[in-house]
Amino acid sequence: MRRKDKEITYPPHIGDIIASSSVCRLAMSDDGQPYVIPLCYGYKDNTFYLHSAREGRKLDILRENDRVCIELDTDCEIQRGDDACDWSMKCRCVIGFGRASFIDDGDAKRKALDIIMDHYSEGSHNYTEKKLKNTVIIKIDIEEMTGKQSGY
């Protein structure tokens, strides 16, 4: 990271950003063409869990290239300045690099879906067999992750 004064290295602070964000952006490379999409997510033990329909461009890409980048941000707001070049963004974010794989086992899917749902709600969750069958779980094993804050 170029600006070491903005880098977050303390793991609990990175965890706070992950816990307070609501969207995970998944970046992939489709034969050299960038492709990024916002997704709901869950996070546990240095692993992100995402869900998907059984078909789609992201699945096609991930089957060909499992290398991914994720981005999450929170507490973002524009900081106005007197001059155009004095404007900035107050924000906290996390960027991670890793590899995607798919979870096919029904019990493992339920556990992954619980991790996703627990990010957004409390309580127990039920999944019909039909929903489980029609849901793909993408598991992102993080190899490297950094945090950044600006304006704090």
Protein backbone atom coordinates (compact mmCIF):
# COMPACT_ATOMS: atom_id res chain seq x y z
CA MET A 1 0.00 0.00 0.00
CA ARG A 2 1.41 3.33 -1.03
CA ARG A 3 -0.01 5.37 1.86
CA LYS A 4 1.09 3.47 4.95
CA ASP A 5 -0.55 6.13 7.14
CA LYS A 6 -3.96 4.94 5.83
CA GLU A 7 -3.27 1.22 6.07
CA ILE A 8 -5.18 -0.87 8.60
CA THR A 9 -3.08 -3.75 9.85
CA TYR A 10 -4.87 -4.65 13.08
CA PRO A 11 -7.01 -7.74 12.25
CA PRO A 12 -9.92 -6.82 14.58
CA HIS A 13 -10.30 -3.48 12.76
CA ILE A 14 -10.37 -5.28 9.41
CA GLY A 15 -12.98 -7.60 10.92
CA ASP A 16 -15.07 -4.60 12.00
CA ILE A 17 -15.18 -3.36 8.40
CA ILE A 18 -16.18 -6.80 7.13
CA ALA A 19 -18.89 -7.05 9.80
CA SER A 20 -20.34 -3.59 9.12
CA SER A 21 -20.32 -3.69 5.31
CA SER A 22 -23.43 -4.83 3.50
CA VAL A 23 -22.06 -5.54 0.01
CA CYS A 24 -19.07 -7.52 -1.19
CA ARG A 25 -17.84 -6.67 -4.66
CA LEU A 26 -16.39 -9.69 -6.42
CA ALA A 27 -13.87 -8.92 -9.16
CA MET A 28 -12.93 -11.55 -11.72
CA SER A 29 -11.11 -11.71 -15.03
CA ASP A 30 -12.98 -13.02 -18.05
CA ASP A 31 -10.28 -13.80 -20.61
CA GLY A 32 -8.46 -10.58 -19.71
CA GLN A 33 -11.65 -8.50 -19.39
CA PRO A 34 -12.44 -7.22 -15.88
CA TYR A 35 -15.84 -8.13 -14.45
CA VAL A 36 -17.08 -7.01 -11.03
CA ILE A 37 -20.42 -7.59 -9.33
CA PRO A 38 -21.94 -6.67 -5.94
CA LEU A 39 -23.09 -9.61 -3.82
CA CYS A 40 -24.45 -10.48 -0.39
CA TYR A 41 -21.87 -12.36 1.64
CA GLY A 42 -20.92 -14.05 4.83
CA TYR A 43 -17.46 -14.25 6.37
CA LYS A 44 -15.90 -16.72 8.79
CA ASP A 45 -12.36 -17.99 9.41
CA ASN A 46 -10.69 -16.00 6.62
CA THR A 47 -13.26 -17.24 4.10
CA PHE A 48 -16.03 -15.40 2.28
CA TYR A 49 -19.21 -17.20 1.26
CA LEU A 50 -21.37 -15.98 -1.62
CA HIS A 51 -24.48 -17.46 -3.18
CA SER A 52 -25.68 -17.59 -6.75
CA ALA A 53 -28.21 -19.06 -9.11
CA ARG A 54 -27.00 -22.19 -10.91
CA GLU A 55 -26.19 -20.36 -14.14
CA GLY A 56 -24.63 -17.06 -15.06
CA ARG A 57 -21.58 -15.22 -16.25
CA LYS A 58 -19.79 -15.16 -12.88
CA LEU A 59 -20.01 -18.95 -12.59
CA ASP A 60 -18.71 -19.37 -16.13
CA ILE A 61 -15.79 -17.08 -15.33
CA LEU A 62 -14.97 -18.76 -12.02
CA ARG A 63 -14.94 -22.20 -13.63
CA GLU A 64 -12.24 -20.94 -16.00
CA ASN A 65 -10.29 -18.71 -13.59
CA ASP A 66 -10.61 -19.12 -9.83
CA ARG A 67 -8.43 -16.06 -8.98
CA VAL A 68 -10.57 -13.28 -7.51
CA CYS A 69 -10.44 -10.00 -5.67
CA ILE A 70 -13.06 -8.85 -3.18
CA GLU A 71 -13.77 -5.32 -1.96
CA LEU A 72 -15.94 -4.15 0.92
CA ASP A 73 -16.41 -0.61 2.18
CA THR A 74 -18.28 1.18 4.92
CA ASP A 75 -18.70 4.59 6.50
CA CYS A 76 -18.18 6.37 3.19
CA GLU A 77 -18.98 10.03 2.75
CA ILE A 78 -17.73 12.84 0.59
CA GLN A 79 -15.57 15.45 2.32
CA ARG A 80 -16.11 18.80 0.62
CA GLY A 81 -13.27 21.24 0.14
CA ASP A 82 -12.91 24.86 -0.87
CA ASP A 83 -11.35 23.92 -4.19
CA ALA A 84 -12.11 20.97 -6.45
CA CYS A 85 -8.79 19.30 -5.65
CA ASP A 86 -9.45 19.64 -1.90
CA TRP A 87 -12.41 17.26 -1.99
CA SER A 88 -11.87 13.75 -0.70
CA MET A 89 -13.67 10.62 0.47
CA LYS A 90 -13.94 9.55 4.09
CA CYS A 91 -14.11 5.79 3.99
CA ARG A 92 -12.96 2.47 5.43
CA CYS A 93 -12.43 -0.49 3.11
CA VAL A 94 -10.99 -3.97 2.81
CA ILE A 95 -9.50 -5.60 -0.27
CA GLY A 96 -8.70 -9.28 -0.41
CA PHE A 97 -7.25 -11.67 -2.94
CA GLY A 98 -8.00 -15.35 -3.06
CA ARG A 99 -9.32 -18.37 -4.89
CA ALA A 100 -12.91 -19.36 -5.51
CA SER A 101 -14.32 -22.84 -5.27
CA PHE A 102 -17.82 -24.29 -5.14
CA ILE A 103 -19.55 -26.07 -2.28
CA ASP A 104 -21.79 -28.89 -3.50
CA ASP A 105 -22.52 -30.90 -0.35
CA GLY A 106 -25.98 -30.17 1.08
CA ASP A 107 -24.90 -29.88 4.72
CA ALA A 108 -21.95 -27.67 3.80
CA LYS A 109 -24.30 -25.49 1.72
CA ARG A 110 -26.60 -25.07 4.72
CA LYS A 111 -23.68 -24.04 6.92
CA ALA A 112 -22.46 -21.55 4.30
CA LEU A 113 -25.97 -20.12 3.87
CA ASP A 114 -26.23 -19.77 7.65
CA ILE A 115 -22.97 -17.78 7.63
CA ILE A 116 -24.38 -15.52 4.90
CA MET A 117 -27.75 -15.09 6.64
CA ASP A 118 -26.10 -14.47 10.03
CA HIS A 119 -24.33 -11.48 8.49
CA TYR A 120 -27.71 -9.84 7.85
CA SER A 121 -30.03 -11.27 10.52
CA GLU A 122 -30.25 -13.16 13.77
CA GLY A 123 -32.00 -16.43 14.45
CA SER A 124 -32.25 -19.78 12.75
CA HIS A 125 -32.74 -20.25 9.04
CA ASN A 126 -34.50 -22.94 7.04
CA TYR A 127 -33.78 -23.92 3.45
CA THR A 128 -35.95 -26.18 1.36
CA GLU A 129 -34.31 -28.97 -0.59
CA LYS A 130 -35.44 -27.28 -3.81
CA LYS A 131 -33.76 -24.01 -2.82
CA LEU A 132 -30.57 -25.82 -1.81
CA LYS A 133 -30.50 -27.68 -5.11
CA ASN A 134 -30.94 -24.45 -7.07
CA THR A 135 -28.34 -22.48 -5.09
CA VAL A 136 -24.64 -22.42 -5.80
CA ILE A 137 -22.32 -21.53 -2.94
CA ILE A 138 -19.07 -19.83 -3.86
CA LYS A 139 -16.32 -20.12 -1.27
CA ILE A 140 -13.50 -17.57 -1.41
CA ASP A 141 -10.40 -18.64 0.49
CA ILE A 142 -8.51 -15.42 1.21
CA GLU A 143 -4.76 -15.49 0.61
CA GLU A 144 -4.06 -11.81 1.28
CA MET A 145 -6.21 -9.04 2.76
CA THR A 146 -5.54 -5.41 3.61
CA GLY A 147 -7.57 -2.59 5.10
CA LYS A 148 -7.50 1.12 4.42
CA GLN A 149 -9.07 4.13 6.06
CA SER A 150 -9.19 7.71 4.94
CA GLY A 151 -10.50 10.64 6.89
CA TYR A 152 -10.41 8.88 10.27
